PDB file of N, CA and C in Angstrom:
ATOM      1  N   UNK A   1       3.575   0.247  13.292  1.00  0.00           N
ATOM      2  CA  UNK A   1       3.067  -1.081  13.043  1.00  0.00           C
ATOM      3  C   UNK A   1       3.315  -1.421  11.575  1.00  0.00           C
ATOM      4  N   UNK A   2       3.835  -2.598  11.298  1.00  0.00           N
ATOM      5  CA  UNK A   2       4.116  -2.974   9.916  1.00  0.00           C
ATOM      6  C   UNK A   2       2.896  -3.615   9.278  1.00  0.00           C
ATOM      7  N   UNK A   3       2.931  -3.710   7.950  1.00  0.00           N
ATOM      8  CA  UNK A   3       1.814  -4.296   7.219  1.00  0.00           C
ATOM      9  C   UNK A   3       1.550  -5.729   7.666  1.00  0.00           C
ATOM     10  N   UNK A   4       2.602  -6.497   7.920  1.00  0.00           N
ATOM     11  CA  UNK A   4       2.414  -7.890   8.320  1.00  0.00           C
ATOM     12  C   UNK A   4       1.692  -7.996   9.663  1.00  0.00           C
ATOM     13  N   UNK A   5       1.898  -7.027  10.556  1.00  0.00           N
ATOM     14  CA  UNK A   5       1.202  -7.034  11.832  1.00  0.00           C
ATOM     15  C   UNK A   5      -0.263  -6.644  11.683  1.00  0.00           C
ATOM     16  N   UNK A   6      -0.594  -6.024  10.578  1.00  0.00           N
ATOM     17  CA  UNK A   6      -1.972  -5.606  10.336  1.00  0.00           C
ATOM     18  C   UNK A   6      -2.772  -6.661   9.589  1.00  0.00           C
ATOM     19  N   UNK A   7      -2.161  -7.774   9.297  1.00  0.00           N
ATOM     20  CA  UNK A   7      -2.876  -8.865   8.661  1.00  0.00           C
ATOM     21  C   UNK A   7      -2.486  -9.068   7.217  1.00  0.00           C
ATOM     22  N   UNK A   8      -2.963 -10.169   6.663  1.00  0.00           N
ATOM     23  CA  UNK A   8      -2.572 -10.543   5.307  1.00  0.00           C
ATOM     24  C   UNK A   8      -3.073  -9.580   4.229  1.00  0.00           C
ATOM     25  N   UNK A   9      -4.225  -8.986   4.411  1.00  0.00           N
ATOM     26  CA  UNK A   9      -4.738  -8.074   3.381  1.00  0.00           C
ATOM     27  C   UNK A   9      -3.826  -6.864   3.242  1.00  0.00           C
ATOM     28  N   UNK A  10      -3.457  -6.258   4.364  1.00  0.00           N
ATOM     29  CA  UNK A  10      -2.581  -5.090   4.317  1.00  0.00           C
ATOM     30  C   UNK A  10      -1.203  -5.471   3.786  1.00  0.00           C
ATOM     31  N   UNK A  11      -0.702  -6.630   4.198  1.00  0.00           N
ATOM     32  CA  UNK A  11       0.606  -7.082   3.722  1.00  0.00           C
ATOM     33  C   UNK A  11       0.578  -7.305   2.213  1.00  0.00           C
ATOM     34  N   UNK A  12      -0.488  -7.885   1.706  1.00  0.00           N
ATOM     35  CA  UNK A  12      -0.608  -8.116   0.259  1.00  0.00           C
ATOM     36  C   UNK A  12      -0.687  -6.803  -0.504  1.00  0.00           C
ATOM     37  N   UNK A  13      -1.437  -5.851   0.018  1.00  0.00           N
ATOM     38  CA  UNK A  13      -1.560  -4.556  -0.651  1.00  0.00           C
ATOM     39  C   UNK A  13      -0.232  -3.811  -0.640  1.00  0.00           C
ATOM     40  N   UNK A  14       0.489  -3.883   0.468  1.00  0.00           N
ATOM     41  CA  UNK A  14       1.796  -3.231   0.564  1.00  0.00           C
ATOM     42  C   UNK A  14       2.759  -3.857  -0.438  1.00  0.00           C
ATOM     43  N   UNK A  15       2.761  -5.185  -0.514  1.00  0.00           N
ATOM     44  CA  UNK A  15       3.628  -5.890  -1.450  1.00  0.00           C
ATOM     45  C   UNK A  15       3.312  -5.487  -2.889  1.00  0.00           C
ATOM     46  N   UNK A  16       2.041  -5.388  -3.210  1.00  0.00           N
ATOM     47  CA  UNK A  16       1.649  -4.990  -4.565  1.00  0.00           C
ATOM     48  C   UNK A  16       2.136  -3.584  -4.887  1.00  0.00           C
ATOM     49  N   UNK A  17       2.010  -2.679  -3.931  1.00  0.00           N
ATOM     50  CA  UNK A  17       2.471  -1.304  -4.147  1.00  0.00           C
ATOM     51  C   UNK A  17       3.986  -1.255  -4.341  1.00  0.00           C
ATOM     52  N   UNK A  18       4.717  -2.002  -3.527  1.00  0.00           N
ATOM     53  CA  UNK A  18       6.176  -2.023  -3.648  1.00  0.00           C
ATOM     54  C   UNK A  18       6.628  -2.644  -4.962  1.00  0.00           C
ATOM     55  N   UNK A  19       6.000  -3.742  -5.349  1.00  0.00           N
ATOM     56  CA  UNK A  19       6.373  -4.394  -6.602  1.00  0.00           C
ATOM     57  C   UNK A  19       6.104  -3.477  -7.792  1.00  0.00           C
ATOM     58  N   UNK A  20       4.994  -2.768  -7.746  1.00  0.00           N
ATOM     59  CA  UNK A  20       4.692  -1.833  -8.821  1.00  0.00           C
ATOM     60  C   UNK A  20       5.735  -0.723  -8.866  1.00  0.00           C
ATOM     61  N   UNK A  21       5.993  -0.129  -7.708  1.00  0.00           N
ATOM     62  CA  UNK A  21       6.926   1.000  -7.645  1.00  0.00           C
ATOM     63  C   UNK A  21       8.326   0.601  -8.106  1.00  0.00           C
ATOM     64  N   UNK A  22       8.729  -0.621  -7.821  1.00  0.00           N
ATOM     65  CA  UNK A  22      10.066  -1.080  -8.205  1.00  0.00           C
ATOM     66  C   UNK A  22      10.243  -1.099  -9.722  1.00  0.00           C
ATOM     67  N   UNK A  23       9.169  -1.336 -10.440  1.00  0.00           N
ATOM     68  CA  UNK A  23       9.277  -1.418 -11.893  1.00  0.00           C
ATOM     69  C   UNK A  23       8.718  -0.216 -12.636  1.00  0.00           C
ATOM     70  N   UNK A  24       8.274   0.796 -11.915  1.00  0.00           N
ATOM     71  CA  UNK A  24       7.614   1.939 -12.548  1.00  0.00           C
ATOM     72  C   UNK A  24       8.531   3.160 -12.516  1.00  0.00           C
ATOM     73  N   UNK A  25       8.887   3.645 -13.680  1.00  0.00           N
ATOM     74  CA  UNK A  25       9.765   4.803 -13.768  1.00  0.00           C
ATOM     75  C   UNK A  25       9.133   6.033 -13.118  1.00  0.00           C
ATOM     76  N   UNK A  26       7.841   6.232 -13.313  1.00  0.00           N
ATOM     77  CA  UNK A  26       7.172   7.397 -12.723  1.00  0.00           C
ATOM     78  C   UNK A  26       7.204   7.337 -11.197  1.00  0.00           C
ATOM     79  N   UNK A  27       7.005   6.150 -10.626  1.00  0.00           N
ATOM     80  CA  UNK A  27       7.021   6.015  -9.169  1.00  0.00           C
ATOM     81  C   UNK A  27       8.414   6.275  -8.598  1.00  0.00           C
ATOM     82  N   UNK A  28       9.439   6.008  -9.363  1.00  0.00           N
ATOM     83  CA  UNK A  28      10.808   6.195  -8.890  1.00  0.00           C
ATOM     84  C   UNK A  28      11.353   7.577  -9.198  1.00  0.00           C
ATOM     85  N   UNK A  29      10.596   8.386  -9.925  1.00  0.00           N
ATOM     86  CA  UNK A  29      11.046   9.721 -10.292  1.00  0.00           C
ATOM     87  C   UNK A  29      10.430  10.741  -9.339  1.00  0.00           C
ATOM     88  N   UNK A  30      11.258  11.443  -8.566  1.00  0.00           N
ATOM     89  CA  UNK A  30      10.733  12.444  -7.639  1.00  0.00           C
ATOM     90  C   UNK A  30       9.884  13.493  -8.368  1.00  0.00           C
ATOM     91  N   UNK A  31       8.711  13.737  -7.833  1.00  0.00           N
ATOM     92  CA  UNK A  31       7.824  14.739  -8.402  1.00  0.00           C
ATOM     93  C   UNK A  31       6.914  14.227  -9.503  1.00  0.00           C
ATOM     94  N   UNK A  32       7.180  13.041 -10.026  1.00  0.00           N
ATOM     95  CA  UNK A  32       6.326  12.477 -11.083  1.00  0.00           C
ATOM     96  C   UNK A  32       5.091  11.852 -10.439  1.00  0.00           C
ATOM     97  N   UNK A  33       4.029  11.749 -11.199  1.00  0.00           N
ATOM     98  CA  UNK A  33       2.791  11.170 -10.698  1.00  0.00           C
ATOM     99  C   UNK A  33       2.496   9.873 -11.440  1.00  0.00           C
ATOM    100  N   UNK A  34       2.026   8.892 -10.711  1.00  0.00           N
ATOM    101  CA  UNK A  34       1.638   7.609 -11.286  1.00  0.00           C
ATOM    102  C   UNK A  34       0.266   7.249 -10.732  1.00  0.00           C
ATOM    103  N   UNK A  35      -0.711   7.206 -11.582  1.00  0.00           N
ATOM    104  CA  UNK A  35      -2.077   6.919 -11.154  1.00  0.00           C
ATOM    105  C   UNK A  35      -2.184   5.520 -10.542  1.00  0.00           C
ATOM    106  N   UNK A  36      -1.523   4.552 -11.152  1.00  0.00           N
ATOM    107  CA  UNK A  36      -1.568   3.185 -10.630  1.00  0.00           C
ATOM    108  C   UNK A  36      -0.916   3.111  -9.256  1.00  0.00           C
ATOM    109  N   UNK A  37       0.249   3.728  -9.112  1.00  0.00           N
ATOM    110  CA  UNK A  37       0.927   3.737  -7.819  1.00  0.00           C
ATOM    111  C   UNK A  37       0.095   4.404  -6.742  1.00  0.00           C
ATOM    112  N   UNK A  38      -0.528   5.518  -7.080  1.00  0.00           N
ATOM    113  CA  UNK A  38      -1.385   6.222  -6.120  1.00  0.00           C
ATOM    114  C   UNK A  38      -2.566   5.344  -5.709  1.00  0.00           C
ATOM    115  N   UNK A  39      -3.172   4.651  -6.674  1.00  0.00           N
ATOM    116  CA  UNK A  39      -4.306   3.777  -6.364  1.00  0.00           C
ATOM    117  C   UNK A  39      -3.872   2.623  -5.472  1.00  0.00           C
ATOM    118  N   UNK A  40      -2.714   2.045  -5.745  1.00  0.00           N
ATOM    119  CA  UNK A  40      -2.217   0.954  -4.911  1.00  0.00           C
ATOM    120  C   UNK A  40      -1.965   1.428  -3.481  1.00  0.00           C
ATOM    121  N   UNK A  41      -1.425   2.623  -3.327  1.00  0.00           N
ATOM    122  CA  UNK A  41      -1.213   3.159  -1.979  1.00  0.00           C
ATOM    123  C   UNK A  41      -2.531   3.434  -1.266  1.00  0.00           C
ATOM    124  N   UNK A  42      -3.522   3.950  -1.976  1.00  0.00           N
ATOM    125  CA  UNK A  42      -4.836   4.181  -1.360  1.00  0.00           C
ATOM    126  C   UNK A  42      -5.463   2.862  -0.915  1.00  0.00           C
ATOM    127  N   UNK A  43      -5.313   1.827  -1.729  1.00  0.00           N
ATOM    128  CA  UNK A  43      -5.848   0.511  -1.373  1.00  0.00           C
ATOM    129  C   UNK A  43      -5.154  -0.033  -0.135  1.00  0.00           C
ATOM    130  N   UNK A  44      -3.836   0.143  -0.060  1.00  0.00           N
ATOM    131  CA  UNK A  44      -3.081  -0.284   1.125  1.00  0.00           C
ATOM    132  C   UNK A  44      -3.540   0.490   2.359  1.00  0.00           C
ATOM    133  N   UNK A  45      -3.695   1.802   2.227  1.00  0.00           N
ATOM    134  CA  UNK A  45      -4.130   2.618   3.364  1.00  0.00           C
ATOM    135  C   UNK A  45      -5.500   2.180   3.864  1.00  0.00           C
ATOM    136  N   UNK A  46      -6.399   1.855   2.955  1.00  0.00           N
ATOM    137  CA  UNK A  46      -7.729   1.385   3.340  1.00  0.00           C
ATOM    138  C   UNK A  46      -7.634   0.046   4.065  1.00  0.00           C
ATOM    139  N   UNK A  47      -6.777  -0.847   3.597  1.00  0.00           N
ATOM    140  CA  UNK A  47      -6.605  -2.144   4.263  1.00  0.00           C
ATOM    141  C   UNK A  47      -6.048  -1.966   5.667  1.00  0.00           C
ATOM    142  N   UNK A  48      -5.126  -1.013   5.846  1.00  0.00           N
ATOM    143  CA  UNK A  48      -4.576  -0.789   7.187  1.00  0.00           C
ATOM    144  C   UNK A  48      -5.617  -0.166   8.108  1.00  0.00           C
ATOM    145  N   UNK A  49      -6.423   0.761   7.589  1.00  0.00           N
ATOM    146  CA  UNK A  49      -7.489   1.356   8.414  1.00  0.00           C
ATOM    147  C   UNK A  49      -8.470   0.273   8.867  1.00  0.00           C
ATOM    148  N   UNK A  50      -8.835  -0.610   7.955  1.00  0.00           N
ATOM    149  CA  UNK A  50      -9.779  -1.676   8.284  1.00  0.00           C
ATOM    150  C   UNK A  50      -9.181  -2.618   9.319  1.00  0.00           C
ATOM    151  N   UNK A  51      -7.909  -2.977   9.152  1.00  0.00           N
ATOM    152  CA  UNK A  51      -7.260  -3.887  10.107  1.00  0.00           C
ATOM    153  C   UNK A  51      -7.162  -3.248  11.487  1.00  0.00           C
ATOM    154  N   UNK A  52      -6.826  -1.967  11.527  1.00  0.00           N
ATOM    155  CA  UNK A  52      -6.742  -1.277  12.820  1.00  0.00           C
ATOM    156  C   UNK A  52      -8.101  -1.190  13.493  1.00  0.00           C
ATOM    157  N   UNK A  53      -9.131  -0.934  12.718  1.00  0.00           N
ATOM    158  CA  UNK A  53     -10.480  -0.866  13.272  1.00  0.00           C
ATOM    159  C   UNK A  53     -10.893  -2.220  13.842  1.00  0.00           C
ATOM    160  N   UNK A  54     -10.522  -3.288  13.169  1.00  0.00           N
ATOM    161  CA  UNK A  54     -10.860  -4.631  13.660  1.00  0.00           C
ATOM    162  C   UNK A  54     -10.082  -4.953  14.933  1.00  0.00           C
ATOM    163  N   UNK A  55      -8.857  -4.453  15.059  1.00  0.00           N
ATOM    164  CA  UNK A  55      -8.063  -4.689  16.264  1.00  0.00           C
ATOM    165  C   UNK A  55      -8.623  -3.926  17.456  1.00  0.00           C
ATOM    166  N   UNK A  56      -9.246  -2.783  17.189  1.00  0.00           N
ATOM    167  CA  UNK A  56      -9.790  -1.947  18.269  1.00  0.00           C
ATOM    168  C   UNK A  56     -11.084  -2.490  18.840  1.00  0.00           C
ATOM    169  N   UNK A  57     -11.704  -3.420  18.146  1.00  0.00           N
ATOM    170  CA  UNK A  57     -12.992  -3.954  18.590  1.00  0.00           C
ATOM    171  C   UNK A  57     -12.828  -4.913  19.719  1.00  0.00           C
TER     172      UNK A  57
END
């Protein structure tokens, strides 16, 4: 299931994570860690969990 199918919140969070990663050297370097990138991915994952839970209701 894509972010757009999970609703606007998940799509927005995914877009934010991708935009950050595109401009972040640490995110593009294998093995490097980026705290901001990790936080954006966690926020996206939470939005997808919430959207899936709402779809199951």
